[in-house]
Amino acid sequence: MTQDIDMVKEIIEKSGNSFHFKVLKHLEDLGWKTIISPYYNDNLTSKPREIDLIAEKAFQAKDRWNVFLGTVNVQLFIECKYISQKTVFWFHDKNMEQAEEIITNNSPLQKDNTYTKKHHYLDGKNRAAKLFADERSKAAENEAFYKALNQSLNALIYYRNKGSIIKLPPGRDGYVKSILTFPVIICNSFENLYQVDLHQSEEPSQIQDNFHMEVNYAYVDARANNHNEYFLLDVVSFEMLDSFLKKIETDTGLVSFFLQT
């Protein structure tokens, strides 16, 4: 019996599900609606895929006279990763023009606007991770972050035009004025994450803050059309999750301003 319990504990430890549910509980405590490990069919292979969490929260949008306009909803497509191996990220200049296009193509925010520049994709974040490698394997498909970005982006692409996961009373569908979607990788900590600069020979240093991973992502849609789309993924340490969520809430405020113009 003791041996069986030890084996079960080993399964639990290796699964990573404990951290998965730690993130889930924290988000639910903060009022986020969640879907746990939903499955969907991959458009290219027709095989089932899974993402750890989809989380959504509705933020009230009000006009300058504090009159309720509706809600700006945020959907997070989350992969939870317990990082036990050393991982190195190579950073370089973020493509700020394409970052701005993500924002303006997926929200009411407008190009070359001071409010748009305050979005967390642009505000103070002009560097992004372009490459990464870990100590376990040279094969990209075996790297934790390779798997995480694929799961997060595939889920976002599949779900992003399917509406809110928050059920509303009849007749209130029009309350949702905009849905912002973000791919996110949440790590247990950044203790094993390091950074280097692509154009400098400086020594590697430990990553201390949440950061963006920049990806040009090729995929096939439901109609078998090929796409190559630019994405930014938020890579977030659990201890800095609340800070990240505050920035997301600020983004909804920026969108609220454009709903009344």
Protein backbone atom coordinates (compact mmCIF):
# COMPACT_ATOMS: atom_id res chain seq x y z
CA MET A 1 0.00 0.00 0.00
CA THR A 2 2.80 2.45 0.90
CA GLN A 3 4.54 1.62 -2.36
CA ASP A 4 1.34 2.33 -4.30
CA ILE A 5 0.93 5.72 -2.60
CA ASP A 6 4.56 6.57 -3.40
CA MET A 7 3.94 5.71 -7.07
CA VAL A 8 0.80 7.86 -7.10
CA LYS A 9 2.71 10.78 -5.56
CA GLU A 10 5.38 10.39 -8.26
CA ILE A 11 2.70 10.51 -10.96
CA ILE A 12 1.28 13.69 -9.41
CA GLU A 13 4.71 15.32 -9.17
CA LYS A 14 5.65 14.53 -12.79
CA SER A 15 2.28 15.52 -14.27
CA GLY A 16 2.56 19.24 -13.58
CA ASN A 17 -1.17 19.27 -12.78
CA SER A 18 -0.60 20.64 -9.28
CA PHE A 19 0.77 23.88 -10.72
CA HIS A 20 -1.98 23.86 -13.35
CA PHE A 21 -4.63 23.86 -10.60
CA LYS A 22 -2.72 26.43 -8.55
CA VAL A 23 -3.05 28.85 -11.49
CA LEU A 24 -6.69 27.85 -11.98
CA LYS A 25 -7.61 28.52 -8.35
CA HIS A 26 -5.83 31.88 -8.32
CA LEU A 27 -7.67 33.06 -11.42
CA GLU A 28 -11.04 31.86 -10.14
CA ASP A 29 -10.43 33.61 -6.81
CA LEU A 30 -9.96 36.82 -8.82
CA GLY A 31 -13.26 36.36 -10.63
CA TRP A 32 -12.12 34.79 -13.90
CA LYS A 33 -14.37 32.25 -15.63
CA THR A 34 -12.30 29.23 -16.66
CA ILE A 35 -12.46 26.16 -18.88
CA ILE A 36 -10.07 23.41 -17.80
CA SER A 37 -8.09 21.50 -20.45
CA PRO A 38 -10.59 21.81 -23.33
CA TYR A 39 -10.01 19.58 -26.37
CA TYR A 40 -10.51 20.69 -29.97
CA ASN A 41 -9.61 19.33 -33.42
CA ASP A 42 -6.50 20.56 -35.20
CA ASN A 43 -7.43 22.01 -38.63
CA LEU A 44 -4.41 20.49 -40.37
CA THR A 45 -4.31 16.97 -38.89
CA SER A 46 -7.87 16.65 -37.55
CA LYS A 47 -6.29 15.30 -34.39
CA PRO A 48 -7.43 16.43 -30.93
CA ARG A 49 -5.38 19.11 -29.21
CA GLU A 50 -5.56 20.45 -25.67
CA ILE A 51 -4.74 23.64 -23.83
CA ASP A 52 -4.34 23.89 -20.06
CA LEU A 53 -6.76 26.76 -19.44
CA ILE A 54 -8.99 29.25 -21.15
CA ALA A 55 -9.79 32.11 -18.77
CA GLU A 56 -12.16 35.00 -19.40
CA LYS A 57 -13.22 38.05 -17.43
CA ALA A 58 -15.63 40.87 -18.27
CA PHE A 59 -14.55 44.42 -17.43
CA GLN A 60 -17.12 47.21 -17.35
CA ALA A 61 -16.82 49.93 -19.97
CA LYS A 62 -18.21 53.35 -19.06
CA ASP A 63 -18.33 56.66 -20.85
CA ARG A 64 -16.94 59.95 -19.55
CA TRP A 65 -20.15 60.51 -17.55
CA ASN A 66 -19.75 57.09 -15.89
CA VAL A 67 -22.67 55.62 -17.87
CA PHE A 68 -22.39 51.88 -18.49
CA LEU A 69 -21.66 51.04 -22.15
CA GLY A 70 -21.17 47.30 -21.91
CA THR A 71 -18.16 45.12 -21.22
CA VAL A 72 -14.72 44.60 -22.66
CA ASN A 73 -13.92 40.93 -22.17
CA VAL A 74 -10.47 39.39 -22.00
CA GLN A 75 -9.72 35.80 -23.00
CA LEU A 76 -6.41 34.26 -21.94
CA PHE A 77 -5.21 31.07 -23.65
CA ILE A 78 -2.91 29.68 -21.00
CA GLU A 79 -0.26 26.99 -20.89
CA CYS A 80 1.10 26.31 -17.39
CA LYS A 81 4.72 25.17 -17.21
CA TYR A 82 6.71 23.96 -14.25
CA ILE A 83 10.25 24.75 -15.40
CA SER A 84 12.82 22.42 -13.86
CA GLN A 85 15.50 22.72 -16.54
CA LYS A 86 17.73 25.68 -17.42
CA THR A 87 16.31 27.54 -20.43
CA VAL A 88 17.98 30.36 -22.36
CA PHE A 89 16.15 33.03 -24.38
CA TRP A 90 17.85 35.17 -27.01
CA PHE A 91 16.42 38.71 -27.08
CA HIS A 92 16.35 41.29 -29.86
CA ASP A 93 14.39 44.37 -30.91
CA LYS A 94 10.65 43.78 -30.98
CA ASN A 95 8.89 44.45 -34.28
CA MET A 96 6.92 47.40 -32.93
CA GLU A 97 5.03 47.98 -36.19
CA GLN A 98 3.69 44.42 -36.22
CA ALA A 99 3.01 44.56 -32.48
CA GLU A 100 0.83 47.61 -33.09
CA GLU A 101 -0.96 45.78 -35.91
CA ILE A 102 -1.90 42.94 -33.55
CA ILE A 103 -3.54 45.52 -31.28
CA THR A 104 -5.38 47.49 -33.97
CA ASN A 105 -6.49 44.39 -35.90
CA ASN A 106 -8.00 42.77 -32.80
CA SER A 107 -9.51 45.69 -30.90
CA PRO A 108 -11.11 49.14 -31.44
CA LEU A 109 -7.72 50.77 -30.70
CA GLN A 110 -6.32 52.81 -33.59
CA LYS A 111 -2.91 53.12 -35.19
CA ASP A 112 -0.59 55.99 -34.20
CA ASN A 113 -2.64 56.90 -31.15
CA THR A 114 -1.34 57.77 -27.69
CA TYR A 115 -3.81 55.37 -26.06
CA THR A 116 -2.68 52.52 -28.30
CA LYS A 117 0.94 53.19 -27.34
CA LYS A 118 -0.01 52.51 -23.70
CA HIS A 119 -1.07 48.94 -24.52
CA HIS A 120 1.14 46.43 -22.68
CA TYR A 121 2.49 45.05 -25.99
CA LEU A 122 4.08 48.45 -26.64
CA ASP A 123 4.47 50.35 -23.38
CA GLY A 124 8.08 50.03 -22.21
CA LYS A 125 8.58 46.66 -23.88
CA ASN A 126 10.77 47.13 -26.96
CA ARG A 127 12.65 43.82 -26.63
CA ALA A 128 11.29 40.34 -27.20
CA ALA A 129 12.59 36.79 -27.01
CA LYS A 130 13.23 35.42 -30.52
CA LEU A 131 14.97 32.10 -29.87
CA PHE A 132 15.16 29.67 -26.98
CA ALA A 133 16.80 26.39 -25.98
CA ASP A 134 16.87 24.25 -22.86
CA GLU A 135 19.35 21.83 -21.37
CA ARG A 136 17.33 18.66 -21.87
CA SER A 137 17.27 18.18 -25.62
CA LYS A 138 18.41 19.72 -28.89
CA ALA A 139 15.18 18.60 -30.57
CA ALA A 140 12.80 21.58 -30.70
CA GLU A 141 9.71 19.42 -30.38
CA ASN A 142 10.91 18.25 -26.98
CA GLU A 143 11.38 21.71 -25.52
CA ALA A 144 8.82 22.85 -22.94
CA PHE A 145 8.42 26.30 -24.46
CA TYR A 146 8.08 24.96 -28.00
CA LYS A 147 5.16 22.82 -26.83
CA ALA A 148 3.69 25.65 -24.78
CA LEU A 149 3.66 28.23 -27.56
CA ASN A 150 2.12 25.74 -30.01
CA GLN A 151 -0.65 24.79 -27.60
CA SER A 152 -1.41 28.39 -26.68
CA LEU A 153 -1.42 29.73 -30.26
CA ASN A 154 -3.36 26.82 -31.74
CA ALA A 155 -6.08 27.24 -29.12
CA LEU A 156 -6.27 31.01 -29.63
CA ILE A 157 -6.58 30.58 -33.41
CA TYR A 158 -9.33 27.98 -32.99
CA TYR A 159 -11.40 29.83 -30.36
CA ARG A 160 -10.83 33.53 -31.02
CA ASN A 161 -13.94 34.07 -33.19
CA LYS A 162 -16.26 31.81 -31.22
CA GLY A 163 -17.48 34.45 -28.76
CA SER A 164 -17.53 34.67 -24.99
CA ILE A 165 -17.43 31.67 -22.68
CA ILE A 166 -19.32 33.70 -20.05
CA LYS A 167 -23.03 32.93 -20.17
CA LEU A 168 -25.24 36.02 -20.16
CA PRO A 169 -28.96 36.30 -19.43
CA PRO A 170 -31.21 36.32 -22.54
CA GLY A 171 -31.19 39.62 -24.38
CA ARG A 172 -27.82 40.73 -23.03
CA ASP A 173 -25.52 39.39 -25.76
CA GLY A 174 -24.98 42.96 -26.93
CA TYR A 175 -23.36 43.82 -23.61
CA VAL A 176 -20.03 42.44 -24.85
CA LYS A 177 -18.55 45.25 -26.93
CA SER A 178 -15.12 43.77 -27.55
CA ILE A 179 -13.20 40.57 -26.77
CA LEU A 180 -9.43 40.84 -26.39
CA THR A 181 -7.47 37.60 -26.81
CA PHE A 182 -3.98 36.88 -25.45
CA PRO A 183 -1.75 33.78 -25.64
CA VAL A 184 0.01 33.28 -22.30
CA ILE A 185 2.61 30.94 -20.82
CA ILE A 186 2.62 30.94 -17.01
CA CYS A 187 5.75 29.53 -15.33
CA ASN A 188 6.08 28.41 -11.74
CA SER A 189 9.07 30.80 -11.48
CA PHE A 190 11.88 32.34 -13.55
CA GLU A 191 14.56 30.74 -11.42
CA ASN A 192 15.80 28.63 -14.35
CA LEU A 193 15.27 31.18 -17.13
CA TYR A 194 18.19 33.14 -18.58
CA GLN A 195 18.60 35.79 -21.26
CA VAL A 196 21.25 36.82 -23.75
CA ASP A 197 21.27 39.50 -26.43
CA LEU A 198 21.48 38.41 -30.08
CA HIS A 199 23.90 41.21 -30.99
CA GLN A 200 25.98 41.49 -27.84
CA SER A 201 28.57 39.20 -26.31
CA GLU A 202 27.49 39.92 -22.77
CA GLU A 203 27.24 37.18 -20.16
CA PRO A 204 23.86 35.46 -19.70
CA SER A 205 21.73 36.84 -16.89
CA GLN A 206 18.71 35.51 -15.05
CA ILE A 207 15.36 36.82 -16.28
CA GLN A 208 13.74 38.96 -13.60
CA ASP A 209 10.53 40.23 -15.19
CA ASN A 210 7.63 39.06 -17.35
CA PHE A 211 8.49 39.26 -21.03
CA HIS A 212 7.21 38.76 -24.57
CA MET A 213 8.08 35.96 -26.94
CA GLU A 214 7.82 36.96 -30.61
CA VAL A 215 6.65 34.32 -33.10
CA ASN A 216 5.86 34.27 -36.81
CA TYR A 217 3.43 31.36 -36.82
CA ALA A 218 2.42 29.34 -39.89
CA TYR A 219 -0.88 27.47 -39.70
CA VAL A 220 -3.81 26.16 -41.76
CA ASP A 221 -7.32 27.43 -41.03
CA ALA A 222 -10.61 25.50 -41.07
CA ARG A 223 -10.98 26.16 -44.83
CA ALA A 224 -7.51 24.76 -45.55
CA ASN A 225 -6.06 28.22 -46.23
CA ASN A 226 -2.41 28.78 -45.30
CA HIS A 227 -1.50 31.68 -42.99
CA ASN A 228 1.66 33.14 -41.56
CA GLU A 229 0.73 35.39 -38.65
CA TYR A 230 2.76 37.45 -36.19
CA PHE A 231 2.07 36.87 -32.49
CA LEU A 232 3.39 38.05 -29.14
CA LEU A 233 3.08 35.64 -26.22
CA ASP A 234 3.20 36.87 -22.65
CA VAL A 235 5.58 34.74 -20.58
CA VAL A 236 4.60 35.27 -16.95
CA SER A 237 6.05 34.12 -13.65
CA PHE A 238 3.37 32.99 -11.19
CA GLU A 239 4.67 35.41 -8.55
CA MET A 240 4.15 38.25 -11.07
CA LEU A 241 0.78 37.02 -12.37
CA ASP A 242 -1.18 39.74 -10.55
CA SER A 243 1.05 42.39 -12.07
CA PHE A 244 0.37 40.99 -15.54
CA LEU A 245 -3.38 40.89 -14.91
CA LYS A 246 -3.30 44.54 -13.84
CA LYS A 247 -1.73 45.45 -17.19
CA ILE A 248 -4.42 43.49 -19.00
CA GLU A 249 -7.07 45.40 -17.06
CA THR A 250 -5.39 48.66 -18.10
CA ASP A 251 -5.65 47.51 -21.73
CA THR A 252 -9.42 47.11 -21.33
CA GLY A 253 -9.60 50.69 -20.09
CA LEU A 254 -7.84 51.88 -23.23
CA VAL A 255 -10.37 50.00 -25.36
CA SER A 256 -13.25 51.46 -23.33
CA PHE A 257 -12.13 54.95 -24.33
CA PHE A 258 -12.54 54.09 -28.03
CA LEU A 259 -16.00 52.61 -27.51
CA GLN A 260 -17.34 56.09 -26.81
CA THR A 261 -15.66 57.86 -29.74
